[in-house]
Structure formats: structure tokens, C-alpha cells
């Protein structure tokens, strides 16, 4: 992949690994950042092909696509 992930993005991936159903507000609370900041980071992770949303916003879940271990 080559692109470096920010500290918040790495932590977000860890939380998603533990709970693929985690919500943006939950991520914001755990990371101590705003929901908007989480949404921006999720957008960057999607753009990089690291995560994707499976299913609808409500009832769906996150999937880690790339080999960011």
C-alpha cells in the first residue's frame, strides 16, 4: 500500500478489528475526537482501500480490506 496511516486511523482500525459493528459516535468517543473527524478519517481509509462499509449505515458493518495488520 505504501501510504502511511495517521495515529487516529491506526487506532480506528484496531477498534474496528475488535468490533466490526462499531459506530462513528462510538469511535469518536473512544478516540476523543469529533464525529466529523472520524467521518473524515473513514473517508480517507475508504479512499486508500483499507476499509469498506458492508450493508446499510444502520445494521451494516465495517470490513478491513487491505493488509494493515
PDB file of N, CA and C in Angstrom:
ATOM      1  N   UNK A   1       0.849  -1.197   0.000  1.00  0.00           N
ATOM      2  CA  UNK A   1       0.000   0.000   0.000  1.00  0.00           C
ATOM      3  C   UNK A   1       0.877   1.236   0.000  1.00  0.00           C
ATOM      4  N   UNK A   2       1.877   1.283   0.838  1.00  0.00           N
ATOM      5  CA  UNK A   2       2.835   2.376   0.785  1.00  0.00           C
ATOM      6  C   UNK A   2       2.441   3.634   1.535  1.00  0.00           C
ATOM      7  N   UNK A   3       1.164   3.953   1.585  1.00  0.00           N
ATOM      8  CA  UNK A   3       0.752   5.189   2.254  1.00  0.00           C
ATOM      9  C   UNK A   3       0.680   4.970   3.762  1.00  0.00           C
ATOM     10  N   UNK A   4       1.243   5.915   4.486  1.00  0.00           N
ATOM     11  CA  UNK A   4       1.229   5.820   5.943  1.00  0.00           C
ATOM     12  C   UNK A   4      -0.130   6.241   6.484  1.00  0.00           C
ATOM     13  N   UNK A   5      -0.536   5.578   7.549  1.00  0.00           N
ATOM     14  CA  UNK A   5      -1.791   5.928   8.198  1.00  0.00           C
ATOM     15  C   UNK A   5      -1.492   6.794   9.410  1.00  0.00           C
ATOM     16  N   UNK A   6      -2.397   7.734   9.673  1.00  0.00           N
ATOM     17  CA  UNK A   6      -2.269   8.574  10.850  1.00  0.00           C
ATOM     18  C   UNK A   6      -2.546   7.768  12.109  1.00  0.00           C
ATOM     19  N   UNK A   7      -2.155   8.290  13.240  1.00  0.00           N
ATOM     20  CA  UNK A   7      -2.338   7.596  14.515  1.00  0.00           C
ATOM     21  C   UNK A   7      -3.817   7.296  14.774  1.00  0.00           C
ATOM     22  N   UNK A   8      -4.696   8.277  14.537  1.00  0.00           N
ATOM     23  CA  UNK A   8      -6.134   8.044  14.738  1.00  0.00           C
ATOM     24  C   UNK A   8      -6.652   6.961  13.802  1.00  0.00           C
ATOM     25  N   UNK A   9      -6.151   6.947  12.567  1.00  0.00           N
ATOM     26  CA  UNK A   9      -6.596   5.938  11.610  1.00  0.00           C
ATOM     27  C   UNK A   9      -6.168   4.548  12.061  1.00  0.00           C
ATOM     28  N   UNK A  10      -4.953   4.421  12.570  1.00  0.00           N
ATOM     29  CA  UNK A  10      -4.477   3.124  13.067  1.00  0.00           C
ATOM     30  C   UNK A  10      -5.328   2.663  14.240  1.00  0.00           C
ATOM     31  N   UNK A  11      -5.634   3.582  15.149  1.00  0.00           N
ATOM     32  CA  UNK A  11      -6.449   3.226  16.311  1.00  0.00           C
ATOM     33  C   UNK A  11      -7.868   2.850  15.889  1.00  0.00           C
ATOM     34  N   UNK A  12      -8.394   3.560  14.882  1.00  0.00           N
ATOM     35  CA  UNK A  12      -9.728   3.242  14.375  1.00  0.00           C
ATOM     36  C   UNK A  12      -9.761   1.815  13.842  1.00  0.00           C
ATOM     37  N   UNK A  13      -8.725   1.412  13.120  1.00  0.00           N
ATOM     38  CA  UNK A  13      -8.658   0.052  12.591  1.00  0.00           C
ATOM     39  C   UNK A  13      -8.633  -0.973  13.717  1.00  0.00           C
ATOM     40  N   UNK A  14      -7.926  -0.659  14.793  1.00  0.00           N
ATOM     41  CA  UNK A  14      -7.893  -1.574  15.943  1.00  0.00           C
ATOM     42  C   UNK A  14      -9.296  -1.743  16.536  1.00  0.00           C
ATOM     43  N   UNK A  15     -10.006  -0.623  16.696  1.00  0.00           N
ATOM     44  CA  UNK A  15     -11.364  -0.696  17.246  1.00  0.00           C
ATOM     45  C   UNK A  15     -12.293  -1.468  16.301  1.00  0.00           C
ATOM     46  N   UNK A  16     -12.116  -1.284  14.997  1.00  0.00           N
ATOM     47  CA  UNK A  16     -12.944  -1.990  14.012  1.00  0.00           C
ATOM     48  C   UNK A  16     -12.629  -3.488  14.045  1.00  0.00           C
ATOM     49  N   UNK A  17     -11.354  -3.844  14.244  1.00  0.00           N
ATOM     50  CA  UNK A  17     -10.991  -5.263  14.348  1.00  0.00           C
ATOM     51  C   UNK A  17     -11.701  -5.920  15.532  1.00  0.00           C
ATOM     52  N   UNK A  18     -11.791  -5.194  16.641  1.00  0.00           N
ATOM     53  CA  UNK A  18     -12.419  -5.732  17.852  1.00  0.00           C
ATOM     54  C   UNK A  18     -13.934  -5.800  17.690  1.00  0.00           C
ATOM     55  N   UNK A  19     -14.507  -4.772  17.075  1.00  0.00           N
ATOM     56  CA  UNK A  19     -15.970  -4.704  16.920  1.00  0.00           C
ATOM     57  C   UNK A  19     -16.309  -4.141  15.547  1.00  0.00           C
ATOM     58  N   UNK A  20     -16.594  -5.022  14.593  1.00  0.00           N
ATOM     59  CA  UNK A  20     -16.865  -4.562  13.220  1.00  0.00           C
ATOM     60  C   UNK A  20     -18.165  -3.773  13.122  1.00  0.00           C
ATOM     61  N   UNK A  21     -18.997  -3.837  14.160  1.00  0.00           N
ATOM     62  CA  UNK A  21     -20.262  -3.107  14.163  1.00  0.00           C
ATOM     63  C   UNK A  21     -20.158  -1.762  14.876  1.00  0.00           C
ATOM     64  N   UNK A  22     -18.950  -1.333  15.225  1.00  0.00           N
ATOM     65  CA  UNK A  22     -18.766  -0.075  15.959  1.00  0.00           C
ATOM     66  C   UNK A  22     -19.315   1.097  15.134  1.00  0.00           C
ATOM     67  N   UNK A  23     -19.897   2.059  15.826  1.00  0.00           N
ATOM     68  CA  UNK A  23     -20.484   3.213  15.141  1.00  0.00           C
ATOM     69  C   UNK A  23     -19.515   4.389  15.133  1.00  0.00           C
ATOM     70  N   UNK A  24     -19.790   5.347  14.282  1.00  0.00           N
ATOM     71  CA  UNK A  24     -18.951   6.552  14.226  1.00  0.00           C
ATOM     72  C   UNK A  24     -18.973   7.288  15.563  1.00  0.00           C
ATOM     73  N   UNK A  25     -20.153   7.481  16.192  1.00  0.00           N
ATOM     74  CA  UNK A  25     -20.133   8.139  17.515  1.00  0.00           C
ATOM     75  C   UNK A  25     -19.308   7.371  18.554  1.00  0.00           C
ATOM     76  N   UNK A  26     -19.350   6.039  18.505  1.00  0.00           N
ATOM     77  CA  UNK A  26     -18.549   5.240  19.441  1.00  0.00           C
ATOM     78  C   UNK A  26     -17.064   5.428  19.176  1.00  0.00           C
ATOM     79  N   UNK A  27     -16.676   5.434  17.903  1.00  0.00           N
ATOM     80  CA  UNK A  27     -15.279   5.670  17.563  1.00  0.00           C
ATOM     81  C   UNK A  27     -14.843   7.048  18.039  1.00  0.00           C
ATOM     82  N   UNK A  28     -15.698   8.041  17.829  1.00  0.00           N
ATOM     83  CA  UNK A  28     -15.372   9.407  18.241  1.00  0.00           C
ATOM     84  C   UNK A  28     -15.125   9.469  19.748  1.00  0.00           C
ATOM     85  N   UNK A  29     -15.986   8.800  20.503  1.00  0.00           N
ATOM     86  CA  UNK A  29     -15.849   8.808  21.968  1.00  0.00           C
ATOM     87  C   UNK A  29     -14.557   8.111  22.395  1.00  0.00           C
ATOM     88  N   UNK A  30     -14.276   6.951  21.818  1.00  0.00           N
ATOM     89  CA  UNK A  30     -13.078   6.194  22.185  1.00  0.00           C
ATOM     90  C   UNK A  30     -11.794   6.932  21.824  1.00  0.00           C
ATOM     91  N   UNK A  31     -11.816   7.652  20.700  1.00  0.00           N
ATOM     92  CA  UNK A  31     -10.627   8.352  20.227  1.00  0.00           C
ATOM     93  C   UNK A  31     -10.504   9.764  20.801  1.00  0.00           C
ATOM     94  N   UNK A  32     -11.596  10.262  21.364  1.00  0.00           N
ATOM     95  CA  UNK A  32     -11.576  11.622  21.895  1.00  0.00           C
ATOM     96  C   UNK A  32     -11.542  12.685  20.810  1.00  0.00           C
ATOM     97  N   UNK A  33     -12.160  12.367  19.662  1.00  0.00           N
ATOM     98  CA  UNK A  33     -12.247  13.330  18.559  1.00  0.00           C
ATOM     99  C   UNK A  33     -13.712  13.460  18.147  1.00  0.00           C
ATOM    100  N   UNK A  34     -14.011  14.422  17.299  1.00  0.00           N
ATOM    101  CA  UNK A  34     -15.397  14.653  16.884  1.00  0.00           C
ATOM    102  C   UNK A  34     -15.854  13.602  15.870  1.00  0.00           C
ATOM    103  N   UNK A  35     -17.162  13.458  15.758  1.00  0.00           N
ATOM    104  CA  UNK A  35     -17.734  12.542  14.762  1.00  0.00           C
ATOM    105  C   UNK A  35     -17.318  12.961  13.358  1.00  0.00           C
ATOM    106  N   UNK A  36     -17.228  14.253  13.129  1.00  0.00           N
ATOM    107  CA  UNK A  36     -16.805  14.760  11.817  1.00  0.00           C
ATOM    108  C   UNK A  36     -15.379  14.315  11.513  1.00  0.00           C
ATOM    109  N   UNK A  37     -14.506  14.375  12.512  1.00  0.00           N
ATOM    110  CA  UNK A  37     -13.116  13.944  12.328  1.00  0.00           C
ATOM    111  C   UNK A  37     -13.063  12.440  12.024  1.00  0.00           C
ATOM    112  N   UNK A  38     -13.922  11.662  12.699  1.00  0.00           N
ATOM    113  CA  UNK A  38     -13.989  10.222  12.425  1.00  0.00           C
ATOM    114  C   UNK A  38     -14.457   9.998  10.991  1.00  0.00           C
ATOM    115  N   UNK A  39     -15.492  10.714  10.575  1.00  0.00           N
ATOM    116  CA  UNK A  39     -16.010  10.569   9.208  1.00  0.00           C
ATOM    117  C   UNK A  39     -14.935  10.906   8.176  1.00  0.00           C
ATOM    118  N   UNK A  40     -14.166  11.970   8.443  1.00  0.00           N
ATOM    119  CA  UNK A  40     -13.091  12.354   7.521  1.00  0.00           C
ATOM    120  C   UNK A  40     -12.026  11.263   7.442  1.00  0.00           C
ATOM    121  N   UNK A  41     -11.668  10.690   8.597  1.00  0.00           N
ATOM    122  CA  UNK A  41     -10.673   9.617   8.615  1.00  0.00           C
ATOM    123  C   UNK A  41     -11.189   8.357   7.937  1.00  0.00           C
ATOM    124  N   UNK A  42     -12.468   8.038   8.155  1.00  0.00           N
ATOM    125  CA  UNK A  42     -13.075   6.876   7.484  1.00  0.00           C
ATOM    126  C   UNK A  42     -13.042   7.086   5.969  1.00  0.00           C
ATOM    127  N   UNK A  43     -13.352   8.308   5.540  1.00  0.00           N
ATOM    128  CA  UNK A  43     -13.334   8.612   4.101  1.00  0.00           C
ATOM    129  C   UNK A  43     -11.932   8.389   3.536  1.00  0.00           C
ATOM    130  N   UNK A  44     -10.907   8.804   4.271  1.00  0.00           N
ATOM    131  CA  UNK A  44      -9.522   8.605   3.822  1.00  0.00           C
ATOM    132  C   UNK A  44      -9.176   7.120   3.777  1.00  0.00           C
ATOM    133  N   UNK A  45      -9.617   6.373   4.796  1.00  0.00           N
ATOM    134  CA  UNK A  45      -9.343   4.931   4.819  1.00  0.00           C
ATOM    135  C   UNK A  45     -10.051   4.224   3.661  1.00  0.00           C
ATOM    136  N   UNK A  46     -11.271   4.665   3.343  1.00  0.00           N
ATOM    137  CA  UNK A  46     -12.003   4.088   2.208  1.00  0.00           C
ATOM    138  C   UNK A  46     -11.270   4.405   0.906  1.00  0.00           C
ATOM    139  N   UNK A  47     -10.823   5.660   0.790  1.00  0.00           N
ATOM    140  CA  UNK A  47     -10.118   6.119  -0.403  1.00  0.00           C
ATOM    141  C   UNK A  47      -8.843   5.296  -0.638  1.00  0.00           C
ATOM    142  N   UNK A  48      -8.170   4.957   0.460  1.00  0.00           N
ATOM    143  CA  UNK A  48      -6.937   4.173   0.378  1.00  0.00           C
ATOM    144  C   UNK A  48      -7.228   2.689   0.194  1.00  0.00           C
ATOM    145  N   UNK A  49      -8.515   2.314   0.273  1.00  0.00           N
ATOM    146  CA  UNK A  49      -8.885   0.924   0.096  1.00  0.00           C
ATOM    147  C   UNK A  49      -8.621   0.062   1.313  1.00  0.00           C
ATOM    148  N   UNK A  50      -8.546   0.676   2.489  1.00  0.00           N
ATOM    149  CA  UNK A  50      -8.244  -0.065   3.715  1.00  0.00           C
ATOM    150  C   UNK A  50      -9.503  -0.637   4.352  1.00  0.00           C
ATOM    151  N   UNK A  51     -10.588   0.143   4.348  1.00  0.00           N
ATOM    152  CA  UNK A  51     -11.851  -0.338   4.926  1.00  0.00           C
ATOM    153  C   UNK A  51     -12.988  -0.101   3.938  1.00  0.00           C
ATOM    154  N   UNK A  52     -14.057  -0.839   4.162  1.00  0.00           N
ATOM    155  CA  UNK A  52     -15.280  -0.581   3.397  1.00  0.00           C
ATOM    156  C   UNK A  52     -16.462  -0.868   4.297  1.00  0.00           C
ATOM    157  N   UNK A  53     -17.566  -0.265   3.951  1.00  0.00           N
ATOM    158  CA  UNK A  53     -18.810  -0.467   4.694  1.00  0.00           C
ATOM    159  C   UNK A  53     -19.600  -1.552   3.977  1.00  0.00           C
ATOM    160  N   UNK A  54     -20.028  -2.558   4.723  1.00  0.00           N
ATOM    161  CA  UNK A  54     -20.824  -3.638   4.154  1.00  0.00           C
ATOM    162  C   UNK A  54     -22.235  -3.484   4.703  1.00  0.00           C
ATOM    163  N   UNK A  55     -23.201  -3.367   3.811  1.00  0.00           N
ATOM    164  CA  UNK A  55     -24.583  -3.204   4.231  1.00  0.00           C
ATOM    165  C   UNK A  55     -24.926  -1.736   4.452  1.00  0.00           C
ATOM    166  N   UNK A  56     -26.107  -1.501   4.979  1.00  0.00           N
ATOM    167  CA  UNK A  56     -26.585  -0.128   5.176  1.00  0.00           C
ATOM    168  C   UNK A  56     -25.884   0.565   6.349  1.00  0.00           C
ATOM    169  N   UNK A  57     -26.067   1.878   6.436  1.00  0.00           N
ATOM    170  CA  UNK A  57     -25.490   2.634   7.548  1.00  0.00           C
ATOM    171  C   UNK A  57     -25.966   2.067   8.883  1.00  0.00           C
ATOM    172  N   UNK A  58     -27.256   1.790   8.958  1.00  0.00           N
ATOM    173  CA  UNK A  58     -27.792   1.162  10.178  1.00  0.00           C
ATOM    174  C   UNK A  58     -27.911  -0.332   9.903  1.00  0.00           C
ATOM    175  N   UNK A  59     -27.229  -1.116  10.712  1.00  0.00           N
ATOM    176  CA  UNK A  59     -27.310  -2.563  10.544  1.00  0.00           C
ATOM    177  C   UNK A  59     -26.175  -3.155   9.735  1.00  0.00           C
ATOM    178  N   UNK A  60     -25.369  -2.309   9.130  1.00  0.00           N
ATOM    179  CA  UNK A  60     -24.217  -2.799   8.381  1.00  0.00           C
ATOM    180  C   UNK A  60     -23.015  -2.948   9.299  1.00  0.00           C
ATOM    181  N   UNK A  61     -21.860  -3.255   8.702  1.00  0.00           N
ATOM    182  CA  UNK A  61     -20.644  -3.364   9.496  1.00  0.00           C
ATOM    183  C   UNK A  61     -19.429  -2.957   8.666  1.00  0.00           C
ATOM    184  N   UNK A  62     -18.319  -2.759   9.351  1.00  0.00           N
ATOM    185  CA  UNK A  62     -17.062  -2.387   8.706  1.00  0.00           C
ATOM    186  C   UNK A  62     -16.287  -3.642   8.355  1.00  0.00           C
ATOM    187  N   UNK A  63     -15.541  -3.552   7.265  1.00  0.00           N
ATOM    188  CA  UNK A  63     -14.678  -4.655   6.855  1.00  0.00           C
ATOM    189  C   UNK A  63     -13.316  -4.081   6.526  1.00  0.00           C
ATOM    190  N   UNK A  64     -12.275  -4.664   7.102  1.00  0.00           N
ATOM    191  CA  UNK A  64     -10.910  -4.237   6.780  1.00  0.00           C
ATOM    192  C   UNK A  64     -10.484  -5.009   5.544  1.00  0.00           C
ATOM    193  N   UNK A  65     -10.138  -4.257   4.493  1.00  0.00           N
ATOM    194  CA  UNK A  65      -9.876  -4.844   3.203  1.00  0.00           C
ATOM    195  C   UNK A  65      -8.384  -5.096   3.016  1.00  0.00           C
ATOM    196  N   UNK A  66      -7.577  -4.073   3.268  1.00  0.00           N
ATOM    197  CA  UNK A  66      -6.151  -4.147   2.987  1.00  0.00           C
ATOM    198  C   UNK A  66      -5.411  -4.866   4.111  1.00  0.00           C
ATOM    199  N   UNK A  67      -4.174  -5.172   3.856  1.00  0.00           N
ATOM    200  CA  UNK A  67      -3.350  -5.901   4.813  1.00  0.00           C
ATOM    201  C   UNK A  67      -2.729  -5.035   5.882  1.00  0.00           C
ATOM    202  N   UNK A  68      -3.453  -4.086   6.406  1.00  0.00           N
ATOM    203  CA  UNK A  68      -2.946  -3.249   7.510  1.00  0.00           C
ATOM    204  C   UNK A  68      -3.086  -4.026   8.799  1.00  0.00           C
ATOM    205  N   UNK A  69      -2.067  -4.704   9.203  1.00  0.00           N
ATOM    206  CA  UNK A  69      -2.142  -5.516  10.423  1.00  0.00           C
ATOM    207  C   UNK A  69      -1.481  -4.825  11.578  1.00  0.00           C
TER     208      UNK A  69
END
